[in-house]
Each structure stands twice: as structure tokens, then as C-alpha cells.
Amino acid sequence: MSTTTINITGMTCGHCVSAVKSELSELPGVETVDVELVNGGTSTATISSSAPLDAASIDGAVAEAGYTVVPAGS
């Protein structure tokens, strides 16, 4: 089991959370996605998967949902 935590900007509501969860859940090996919404700030998503995930795949999935992954501490 691998756990990845990412920071996401641009999310403001429950629909945003659903969109990000949906896109990330489609990545191969992803088992669960938990999102902590910070309205108008930097939200976090914790992804549990059967193997480590490629950062480019995560970035692409979040971008497909309409949001941006930002480096930790940003």
C-alpha cells in the first residue's frame, strides 16, 4: 500500500471535491481518495494506492478536473 498526499489550489465547494476524487480514482491502482477542502485556499488530497503513483499522472488527473497541484509549502 502506498499513500500520496498532494496540495491542490482552486477548489471552493463539494462539487470541486467530487471532480477531483473522480479523476484521481480513475488512476490505475488507486483504492481511496480523501480530500480536505480549504475554500479558496490550498486543499489536500490523500491518495491510497496499491503501488506508488507517477507525479505526472496525478497532476494530469487533477488538471482534468480543472485544478492545479502545487508543491508542499506553497
C-alpha atoms as a PDB file:
ATOM      1  CA  MET A   1       0.000   0.000   0.000  1.00  0.00           C
ATOM      2  CA  SER A   2       1.263   3.463  -0.915  1.00  0.00           C
ATOM      3  CA  THR A   3      -0.074   6.800   0.328  1.00  0.00           C
ATOM      4  CA  THR A   4       0.454  10.063  -1.538  1.00  0.00           C
ATOM      5  CA  THR A   5      -0.614  13.481  -0.243  1.00  0.00           C
ATOM      6  CA  ILE A   6      -0.878  16.415  -2.635  1.00  0.00           C
ATOM      7  CA  ASN A   7      -1.844  20.082  -2.350  1.00  0.00           C
ATOM      8  CA  ILE A   8      -4.444  21.495  -4.751  1.00  0.00           C
ATOM      9  CA  THR A   9      -5.465  25.089  -5.447  1.00  0.00           C
ATOM     10  CA  GLY A  10      -8.691  26.468  -6.885  1.00  0.00           C
ATOM     11  CA  MET A  11     -11.205  24.259  -5.099  1.00  0.00           C
ATOM     12  CA  THR A  12     -14.173  26.027  -3.485  1.00  0.00           C
ATOM     13  CA  CYS A  13     -17.026  23.545  -2.976  1.00  0.00           C
ATOM     14  CA  GLY A  14     -18.261  19.988  -2.710  1.00  0.00           C
ATOM     15  CA  HIS A  15     -18.522  19.725  -6.494  1.00  0.00           C
ATOM     16  CA  CYS A  16     -14.793  20.506  -6.703  1.00  0.00           C
ATOM     17  CA  VAL A  17     -14.067  17.708  -4.235  1.00  0.00           C
ATOM     18  CA  SER A  18     -16.212  15.271  -6.234  1.00  0.00           C
ATOM     19  CA  ALA A  19     -14.498  16.176  -9.509  1.00  0.00           C
ATOM     20  CA  VAL A  20     -11.003  15.684  -8.074  1.00  0.00           C
ATOM     21  CA  LYS A  21     -11.965  12.423  -6.340  1.00  0.00           C
ATOM     22  CA  SER A  22     -13.493  11.105  -9.549  1.00  0.00           C
ATOM     23  CA  GLU A  23     -10.459  11.864 -11.709  1.00  0.00           C
ATOM     24  CA  LEU A  24      -7.918  10.558  -9.183  1.00  0.00           C
ATOM     25  CA  SER A  25      -9.959   7.392  -8.582  1.00  0.00           C
ATOM     26  CA  GLU A  26      -9.586   6.510 -12.265  1.00  0.00           C
ATOM     27  CA  LEU A  27      -5.796   6.205 -12.000  1.00  0.00           C
ATOM     28  CA  PRO A  28      -4.583   2.573 -12.045  1.00  0.00           C
ATOM     29  CA  GLY A  29      -4.170   1.093  -8.568  1.00  0.00           C
ATOM     30  CA  VAL A  30      -5.969   3.854  -6.680  1.00  0.00           C
ATOM     31  CA  GLU A  31      -8.076   2.440  -3.868  1.00  0.00           C
ATOM     32  CA  THR A  32      -9.223   5.514  -1.919  1.00  0.00           C
ATOM     33  CA  VAL A  33      -9.093   9.292  -2.260  1.00  0.00           C
ATOM     34  CA  ASP A  34      -9.767  11.626   0.673  1.00  0.00           C
ATOM     35  CA  VAL A  35      -9.945  15.371   0.054  1.00  0.00           C
ATOM     36  CA  GLU A  36      -9.804  18.087   2.720  1.00  0.00           C
ATOM     37  CA  LEU A  37     -11.376  21.203   1.213  1.00  0.00           C
ATOM     38  CA  VAL A  38      -9.983  24.612   2.152  1.00  0.00           C
ATOM     39  CA  ASN A  39     -12.369  27.009   0.400  1.00  0.00           C
ATOM     40  CA  GLY A  40     -10.299  29.428  -1.659  1.00  0.00           C
ATOM     41  CA  GLY A  41      -7.035  28.155  -0.181  1.00  0.00           C
ATOM     42  CA  THR A  42      -4.800  25.135  -0.598  1.00  0.00           C
ATOM     43  CA  SER A  43      -6.760  21.906  -0.205  1.00  0.00           C
ATOM     44  CA  THR A  44      -5.148  18.498   0.324  1.00  0.00           C
ATOM     45  CA  ALA A  45      -5.860  15.121  -1.197  1.00  0.00           C
ATOM     46  CA  THR A  46      -4.608  11.859   0.272  1.00  0.00           C
ATOM     47  CA  ILE A  47      -4.486   9.014  -2.220  1.00  0.00           C
ATOM     48  CA  SER A  48      -4.101   5.368  -1.188  1.00  0.00           C
ATOM     49  CA  SER A  49      -2.955   3.038  -3.946  1.00  0.00           C
ATOM     50  CA  SER A  50      -1.594  -0.455  -4.429  1.00  0.00           C
ATOM     51  CA  ALA A  51       1.700   0.978  -5.785  1.00  0.00           C
ATOM     52  CA  PRO A  52       3.396   4.390  -5.868  1.00  0.00           C
ATOM     53  CA  LEU A  53       1.789   6.804  -8.339  1.00  0.00           C
ATOM     54  CA  ASP A  54       3.582   8.797 -11.020  1.00  0.00           C
ATOM     55  CA  ALA A  55       3.508  12.534 -10.237  1.00  0.00           C
ATOM     56  CA  ALA A  56       2.704  13.393 -13.863  1.00  0.00           C
ATOM     57  CA  SER A  57      -0.350  11.107 -13.757  1.00  0.00           C
ATOM     58  CA  ILE A  58      -1.586  12.751 -10.570  1.00  0.00           C
ATOM     59  CA  ASP A  59      -1.013  16.244 -11.995  1.00  0.00           C
ATOM     60  CA  GLY A  60      -2.857  15.262 -15.180  1.00  0.00           C
ATOM     61  CA  ALA A  61      -5.850  13.860 -13.311  1.00  0.00           C
ATOM     62  CA  VAL A  62      -6.158  16.977 -11.141  1.00  0.00           C
ATOM     63  CA  ALA A  63      -5.795  19.204 -14.220  1.00  0.00           C
ATOM     64  CA  GLU A  64      -8.526  17.202 -15.967  1.00  0.00           C
ATOM     65  CA  ALA A  65     -10.797  18.083 -13.030  1.00  0.00           C
ATOM     66  CA  GLY A  66      -9.903  21.753 -13.575  1.00  0.00           C
ATOM     67  CA  TYR A  67      -7.484  22.363 -10.692  1.00  0.00           C
ATOM     68  CA  THR A  68      -3.742  22.630 -10.068  1.00  0.00           C
ATOM     69  CA  VAL A  69      -1.356  20.592  -7.930  1.00  0.00           C
ATOM     70  CA  VAL A  70       1.076  22.837  -6.037  1.00  0.00           C
ATOM     71  CA  PRO A  71       4.309  21.908  -4.244  1.00  0.00           C
ATOM     72  CA  ALA A  72       4.160  21.351  -0.495  1.00  0.00           C
ATOM     73  CA  GLY A  73       4.619  24.552   1.453  1.00  0.00           C
ATOM     74  CA  SER A  74       3.211  26.787  -1.317  1.00  0.00           C
END
